[in-house]
C-alpha atoms as a PDB file:
ATOM      1  CA  UNK A   1       0.000   0.000   0.000  1.00  0.00           C
ATOM      2  CA  UNK A   2       1.467   3.308  -1.033  1.00  0.00           C
ATOM      3  CA  UNK A   3       3.368   5.180   1.696  1.00  0.00           C
ATOM      4  CA  UNK A   4       2.123   2.796   4.403  1.00  0.00           C
ATOM      5  CA  UNK A   5       3.697  -0.477   5.405  1.00  0.00           C
ATOM      6  CA  UNK A   6       1.663  -2.954   7.456  1.00  0.00           C
ATOM      7  CA  UNK A   7       3.506  -6.160   8.134  1.00  0.00           C
ATOM      8  CA  UNK A   8       4.209  -8.813  10.711  1.00  0.00           C
ATOM      9  CA  UNK A   9       7.717 -10.086  11.352  1.00  0.00           C
ATOM     10  CA  UNK A  10       8.378 -13.599  12.597  1.00  0.00           C
ATOM     11  CA  UNK A  11      11.606 -15.178  13.805  1.00  0.00           C
ATOM     12  CA  UNK A  12      11.458 -18.630  12.222  1.00  0.00           C
ATOM     13  CA  UNK A  13      13.538 -21.779  12.097  1.00  0.00           C
ATOM     14  CA  UNK A  14      14.884 -23.429   8.969  1.00  0.00           C
ATOM     15  CA  UNK A  15      12.148 -26.101   8.911  1.00  0.00           C
ATOM     16  CA  UNK A  16       9.306 -23.556   8.905  1.00  0.00           C
ATOM     17  CA  UNK A  17      11.117 -21.504   6.253  1.00  0.00           C
ATOM     18  CA  UNK A  18      11.494 -24.548   3.999  1.00  0.00           C
ATOM     19  CA  UNK A  19       7.832 -25.559   4.440  1.00  0.00           C
ATOM     20  CA  UNK A  20       6.496 -22.095   3.592  1.00  0.00           C
ATOM     21  CA  UNK A  21       8.811 -21.779   0.585  1.00  0.00           C
ATOM     22  CA  UNK A  22       7.777 -25.244  -0.642  1.00  0.00           C
ATOM     23  CA  UNK A  23       4.092 -24.214  -0.474  1.00  0.00           C
ATOM     24  CA  UNK A  24       4.754 -20.909  -2.257  1.00  0.00           C
ATOM     25  CA  UNK A  25       6.748 -22.707  -4.962  1.00  0.00           C
ATOM     26  CA  UNK A  26       4.003 -25.345  -5.296  1.00  0.00           C
ATOM     27  CA  UNK A  27       1.534 -22.537  -6.007  1.00  0.00           C
ATOM     28  CA  UNK A  28       3.970 -21.088  -8.569  1.00  0.00           C
ATOM     29  CA  UNK A  29       4.255 -17.824  -6.652  1.00  0.00           C
ATOM     30  CA  UNK A  30       6.702 -15.459  -8.410  1.00  0.00           C
ATOM     31  CA  UNK A  31       9.908 -14.974  -6.449  1.00  0.00           C
ATOM     32  CA  UNK A  32      13.213 -13.129  -6.546  1.00  0.00           C
ATOM     33  CA  UNK A  33      16.444 -13.224  -4.579  1.00  0.00           C
ATOM     34  CA  UNK A  34      18.442 -10.089  -3.884  1.00  0.00           C
ATOM     35  CA  UNK A  35      21.633  -9.295  -2.075  1.00  0.00           C
ATOM     36  CA  UNK A  36      20.960  -6.085  -0.158  1.00  0.00           C
ATOM     37  CA  UNK A  37      23.268  -3.604   1.494  1.00  0.00           C
ATOM     38  CA  UNK A  38      21.300  -1.384   3.874  1.00  0.00           C
ATOM     39  CA  UNK A  39      23.090   1.654   5.273  1.00  0.00           C
ATOM     40  CA  UNK A  40      21.202   3.319   8.126  1.00  0.00           C
ATOM     41  CA  UNK A  41      21.774   6.965   9.035  1.00  0.00           C
ATOM     42  CA  UNK A  42      20.969   8.760  12.241  1.00  0.00           C
ATOM     43  CA  UNK A  43      20.907  12.461  13.132  1.00  0.00           C
ATOM     44  CA  UNK A  44      23.238  14.036  15.678  1.00  0.00           C
ATOM     45  CA  UNK A  45      21.964  14.067  18.357  1.00  0.00           C
ATOM     46  CA  UNK A  46      20.041  10.845  17.720  1.00  0.00           C
ATOM     47  CA  UNK A  47      16.333  11.653  17.774  1.00  0.00           C
ATOM     48  CA  UNK A  48      15.410   8.486  15.847  1.00  0.00           C
ATOM     49  CA  UNK A  49      15.413   6.413  19.044  1.00  0.00           C
ATOM     50  CA  UNK A  50      13.236   6.526  22.139  1.00  0.00           C
ATOM     51  CA  UNK A  51      14.376   4.441  25.110  1.00  0.00           C
ATOM     52  CA  UNK A  52      16.788   2.522  22.867  1.00  0.00           C
ATOM     53  CA  UNK A  53      14.114   1.605  20.316  1.00  0.00           C
ATOM     54  CA  UNK A  54      14.240   2.863  16.747  1.00  0.00           C
ATOM     55  CA  UNK A  55      11.121   4.885  15.899  1.00  0.00           C
ATOM     56  CA  UNK A  56      12.393   6.492  12.684  1.00  0.00           C
ATOM     57  CA  UNK A  57      15.040   5.570  10.172  1.00  0.00           C
ATOM     58  CA  UNK A  58      16.756   6.805   7.050  1.00  0.00           C
ATOM     59  CA  UNK A  59      18.195   4.107   4.848  1.00  0.00           C
ATOM     60  CA  UNK A  60      20.027   3.783   1.575  1.00  0.00           C
ATOM     61  CA  UNK A  61      19.418   0.302   0.143  1.00  0.00           C
ATOM     62  CA  UNK A  62      21.762  -0.918  -2.548  1.00  0.00           C
ATOM     63  CA  UNK A  63      20.801  -3.899  -4.698  1.00  0.00           C
ATOM     64  CA  UNK A  64      22.323  -5.327  -7.833  1.00  0.00           C
ATOM     65  CA  UNK A  65      20.336  -2.922  -9.979  1.00  0.00           C
ATOM     66  CA  UNK A  66      19.224   0.082  -7.959  1.00  0.00           C
ATOM     67  CA  UNK A  67      19.757   2.435  -5.044  1.00  0.00           C
ATOM     68  CA  UNK A  68      16.677   3.302  -2.987  1.00  0.00           C
ATOM     69  CA  UNK A  69      16.519   6.043  -0.332  1.00  0.00           C
ATOM     70  CA  UNK A  70      13.882   5.414   2.360  1.00  0.00           C
ATOM     71  CA  UNK A  71      12.449   7.155   5.373  1.00  0.00           C
ATOM     72  CA  UNK A  72      10.307   5.192   7.833  1.00  0.00           C
ATOM     73  CA  UNK A  73       8.367   6.396  10.865  1.00  0.00           C
ATOM     74  CA  UNK A  74       7.171   3.571  13.057  1.00  0.00           C
ATOM     75  CA  UNK A  75       3.790   3.952  14.787  1.00  0.00           C
ATOM     76  CA  UNK A  76       4.019   1.502  17.693  1.00  0.00           C
ATOM     77  CA  UNK A  77       1.175   3.196  19.545  1.00  0.00           C
ATOM     78  CA  UNK A  78      -1.340   2.144  16.856  1.00  0.00           C
ATOM     79  CA  UNK A  79      -3.160  -1.117  16.249  1.00  0.00           C
ATOM     80  CA  UNK A  80      -1.929  -2.580  14.053  1.00  0.00           C
ATOM     81  CA  UNK A  81       1.596  -1.216  14.353  1.00  0.00           C
ATOM     82  CA  UNK A  82       2.582   0.239  11.006  1.00  0.00           C
ATOM     83  CA  UNK A  83       5.177   2.447   9.313  1.00  0.00           C
ATOM     84  CA  UNK A  84       4.882   5.515   7.190  1.00  0.00           C
ATOM     85  CA  UNK A  85       7.284   4.647   4.403  1.00  0.00           C
ATOM     86  CA  UNK A  86       8.554   7.001   1.713  1.00  0.00           C
ATOM     87  CA  UNK A  87      10.990   5.785  -0.926  1.00  0.00           C
ATOM     88  CA  UNK A  88      12.660   7.127  -4.022  1.00  0.00           C
ATOM     89  CA  UNK A  89      15.298   5.863  -6.387  1.00  0.00           C
ATOM     90  CA  UNK A  90      18.697   7.582  -6.164  1.00  0.00           C
ATOM     91  CA  UNK A  91      21.109   8.088  -9.044  1.00  0.00           C
ATOM     92  CA  UNK A  92      24.178   9.070  -7.023  1.00  0.00           C
ATOM     93  CA  UNK A  93      24.677   7.539  -3.564  1.00  0.00           C
ATOM     94  CA  UNK A  94      27.872   9.489  -2.887  1.00  0.00           C
ATOM     95  CA  UNK A  95      26.180  12.863  -3.432  1.00  0.00           C
ATOM     96  CA  UNK A  96      23.222  11.865  -1.267  1.00  0.00           C
ATOM     97  CA  UNK A  97      25.621  10.838   1.507  1.00  0.00           C
ATOM     98  CA  UNK A  98      27.395  14.184   1.238  1.00  0.00           C
ATOM     99  CA  UNK A  99      24.026  15.901   1.737  1.00  0.00           C
ATOM    100  CA  UNK A 100      23.200  13.717   4.743  1.00  0.00           C
ATOM    101  CA  UNK A 101      26.622  14.304   6.327  1.00  0.00           C
ATOM    102  CA  UNK A 102      26.321  18.068   5.708  1.00  0.00           C
ATOM    103  CA  UNK A 103      22.963  17.981   7.539  1.00  0.00           C
ATOM    104  CA  UNK A 104      24.595  16.320  10.544  1.00  0.00           C
ATOM    105  CA  UNK A 105      23.682  12.703   9.905  1.00  0.00           C
ATOM    106  CA  UNK A 106      26.112   9.872  10.509  1.00  0.00           C
ATOM    107  CA  UNK A 107      26.162   6.211   9.563  1.00  0.00           C
ATOM    108  CA  UNK A 108      24.503   4.182  12.309  1.00  0.00           C
ATOM    109  CA  UNK A 109      25.146   0.731  10.816  1.00  0.00           C
ATOM    110  CA  UNK A 110      25.471  -1.250   7.621  1.00  0.00           C
ATOM    111  CA  UNK A 111      23.592  -4.526   7.223  1.00  0.00           C
ATOM    112  CA  UNK A 112      24.337  -6.973   4.431  1.00  0.00           C
ATOM    113  CA  UNK A 113      21.584  -9.496   3.872  1.00  0.00           C
ATOM    114  CA  UNK A 114      20.061 -11.845   1.357  1.00  0.00           C
ATOM    115  CA  UNK A 115      16.341 -11.486   0.807  1.00  0.00           C
ATOM    116  CA  UNK A 116      14.134 -14.059  -0.876  1.00  0.00           C
ATOM    117  CA  UNK A 117      10.821 -12.428  -1.802  1.00  0.00           C
ATOM    118  CA  UNK A 118       7.549 -13.943  -2.961  1.00  0.00           C
ATOM    119  CA  UNK A 119       4.616 -11.757  -4.007  1.00  0.00           C
ATOM    120  CA  UNK A 120       0.966 -12.771  -4.157  1.00  0.00           C
ATOM    121  CA  UNK A 121      -2.068 -10.585  -4.684  1.00  0.00           C
ATOM    122  CA  UNK A 122      -2.579 -10.343  -0.923  1.00  0.00           C
ATOM    123  CA  UNK A 123       0.932 -10.527   0.577  1.00  0.00           C
ATOM    124  CA  UNK A 124       4.614  -9.954   0.086  1.00  0.00           C
ATOM    125  CA  UNK A 125       6.735 -12.575   1.850  1.00  0.00           C
ATOM    126  CA  UNK A 126      10.326 -11.495   2.541  1.00  0.00           C
ATOM    127  CA  UNK A 127      12.698 -14.094   3.991  1.00  0.00           C
ATOM    128  CA  UNK A 128      15.734 -12.245   5.359  1.00  0.00           C
ATOM    129  CA  UNK A 129      19.018 -13.993   6.038  1.00  0.00           C
ATOM    130  CA  UNK A 130      21.477 -11.871   7.994  1.00  0.00           C
ATOM    131  CA  UNK A 131      24.737 -13.320   9.249  1.00  0.00           C
ATOM    132  CA  UNK A 132      24.549 -13.800  13.013  1.00  0.00           C
ATOM    133  CA  UNK A 133      20.767 -13.417  13.283  1.00  0.00           C
ATOM    134  CA  UNK A 134      17.939 -15.929  13.220  1.00  0.00           C
ATOM    135  CA  UNK A 135      15.945 -16.349  10.016  1.00  0.00           C
ATOM    136  CA  UNK A 136      13.318 -13.635   9.654  1.00  0.00           C
ATOM    137  CA  UNK A 137      10.051 -13.668   7.746  1.00  0.00           C
ATOM    138  CA  UNK A 138       8.187 -10.443   7.088  1.00  0.00           C
ATOM    139  CA  UNK A 139       4.681 -10.735   5.660  1.00  0.00           C
ATOM    140  CA  UNK A 140       3.402  -7.415   4.342  1.00  0.00           C
ATOM    141  CA  UNK A 141      -0.181  -6.686   3.354  1.00  0.00           C
ATOM    142  CA  UNK A 142      -0.378  -5.769  -0.340  1.00  0.00           C
ATOM    143  CA  UNK A 143      -4.015  -4.710  -0.587  1.00  0.00           C
ATOM    144  CA  UNK A 144      -6.475  -2.954   1.665  1.00  0.00           C
ATOM    145  CA  UNK A 145      -8.992  -5.806   1.548  1.00  0.00           C
ATOM    146  CA  UNK A 146      -6.700  -7.882   3.757  1.00  0.00           C
ATOM    147  CA  UNK A 147      -5.947  -7.375   7.435  1.00  0.00           C
ATOM    148  CA  UNK A 148      -3.595  -8.871  10.004  1.00  0.00           C
ATOM    149  CA  UNK A 149      -6.015 -11.738  10.633  1.00  0.00           C
ATOM    150  CA  UNK A 150      -5.397 -12.967   7.103  1.00  0.00           C
ATOM    151  CA  UNK A 151      -1.673 -13.172   7.917  1.00  0.00           C
ATOM    152  CA  UNK A 152      -2.393 -15.040  11.147  1.00  0.00           C
ATOM    153  CA  UNK A 153      -4.682 -17.438   9.250  1.00  0.00           C
ATOM    154  CA  UNK A 154      -1.906 -18.094   6.738  1.00  0.00           C
ATOM    155  CA  UNK A 155       0.851 -18.749   9.305  1.00  0.00           C
ATOM    156  CA  UNK A 156      -1.369 -20.912  11.549  1.00  0.00           C
ATOM    157  CA  UNK A 157      -0.765 -23.922   9.294  1.00  0.00           C
ATOM    158  CA  UNK A 158       2.941 -23.596  10.160  1.00  0.00           C
ATOM    159  CA  UNK A 159       2.194 -23.439  13.912  1.00  0.00           C
ATOM    160  CA  UNK A 160       3.041 -19.747  14.111  1.00  0.00           C
ATOM    161  CA  UNK A 161       0.885 -17.525  16.317  1.00  0.00           C
ATOM    162  CA  UNK A 162       0.738 -13.969  17.608  1.00  0.00           C
ATOM    163  CA  UNK A 163       3.307 -15.037  20.204  1.00  0.00           C
ATOM    164  CA  UNK A 164       5.856 -15.609  17.419  1.00  0.00           C
ATOM    165  CA  UNK A 165       5.612 -12.031  16.121  1.00  0.00           C
ATOM    166  CA  UNK A 166       8.472  -9.665  16.860  1.00  0.00           C
ATOM    167  CA  UNK A 167       8.089  -5.928  16.640  1.00  0.00           C
ATOM    168  CA  UNK A 168      11.802  -5.437  16.990  1.00  0.00           C
ATOM    169  CA  UNK A 169      13.464  -3.928  13.960  1.00  0.00           C
ATOM    170  CA  UNK A 170      16.533  -5.425  12.384  1.00  0.00           C
ATOM    171  CA  UNK A 171      18.573  -2.436  13.585  1.00  0.00           C
ATOM    172  CA  UNK A 172      17.689  -3.192  17.212  1.00  0.00           C
ATOM    173  CA  UNK A 173      18.424  -6.900  16.709  1.00  0.00           C
ATOM    174  CA  UNK A 174      21.846  -6.062  15.307  1.00  0.00           C
ATOM    175  CA  UNK A 175      22.574  -3.592  18.135  1.00  0.00           C
ATOM    176  CA  UNK A 176      21.736  -6.263  20.721  1.00  0.00           C
ATOM    177  CA  UNK A 177      23.886  -8.818  18.903  1.00  0.00           C
ATOM    178  CA  UNK A 178      26.824  -6.412  18.712  1.00  0.00           C
ATOM    179  CA  UNK A 179      26.475  -5.415  22.388  1.00  0.00           C
ATOM    180  CA  UNK A 180      26.813  -9.068  23.439  1.00  0.00           C
ATOM    181  CA  UNK A 181      30.338  -9.189  22.008  1.00  0.00           C
END
């Protein structure tokens, strides 16, 4: 849905991942695999976090064929939790970084990941593999006729429930991982 991202994120094991992918492949769901490099930027002082939790982010995402600049504002006080999401393609990453640095932003972190994506009429399934983290599955609503219950109905056949949902962003997961070392 344009400028609004409603999704649920699950931490899954390899068996569940393989079962869901097998079902999506059986239904001939179109898929793609991308290597992504996500560079997150934060202002100085950091106003994108509240009590250690990311509530806003600026990101430059590099893929094999494009560079996308994104801003997200997370609305955790709403039901369902959602993000305002604004994206645009960038022609020159270096110039954009110069602008960000001139405005007082700094690089918060860089995350390299592989993302396997399947898209149906109702959902986008994104399986994220990030070195050092558990497997992640994000299921995003693709049309306004669906709601979170349709996601829960889908994942129920894989024994996933509301208790398996994480609202923690990948940035926070990486920060926690890096703080353990």
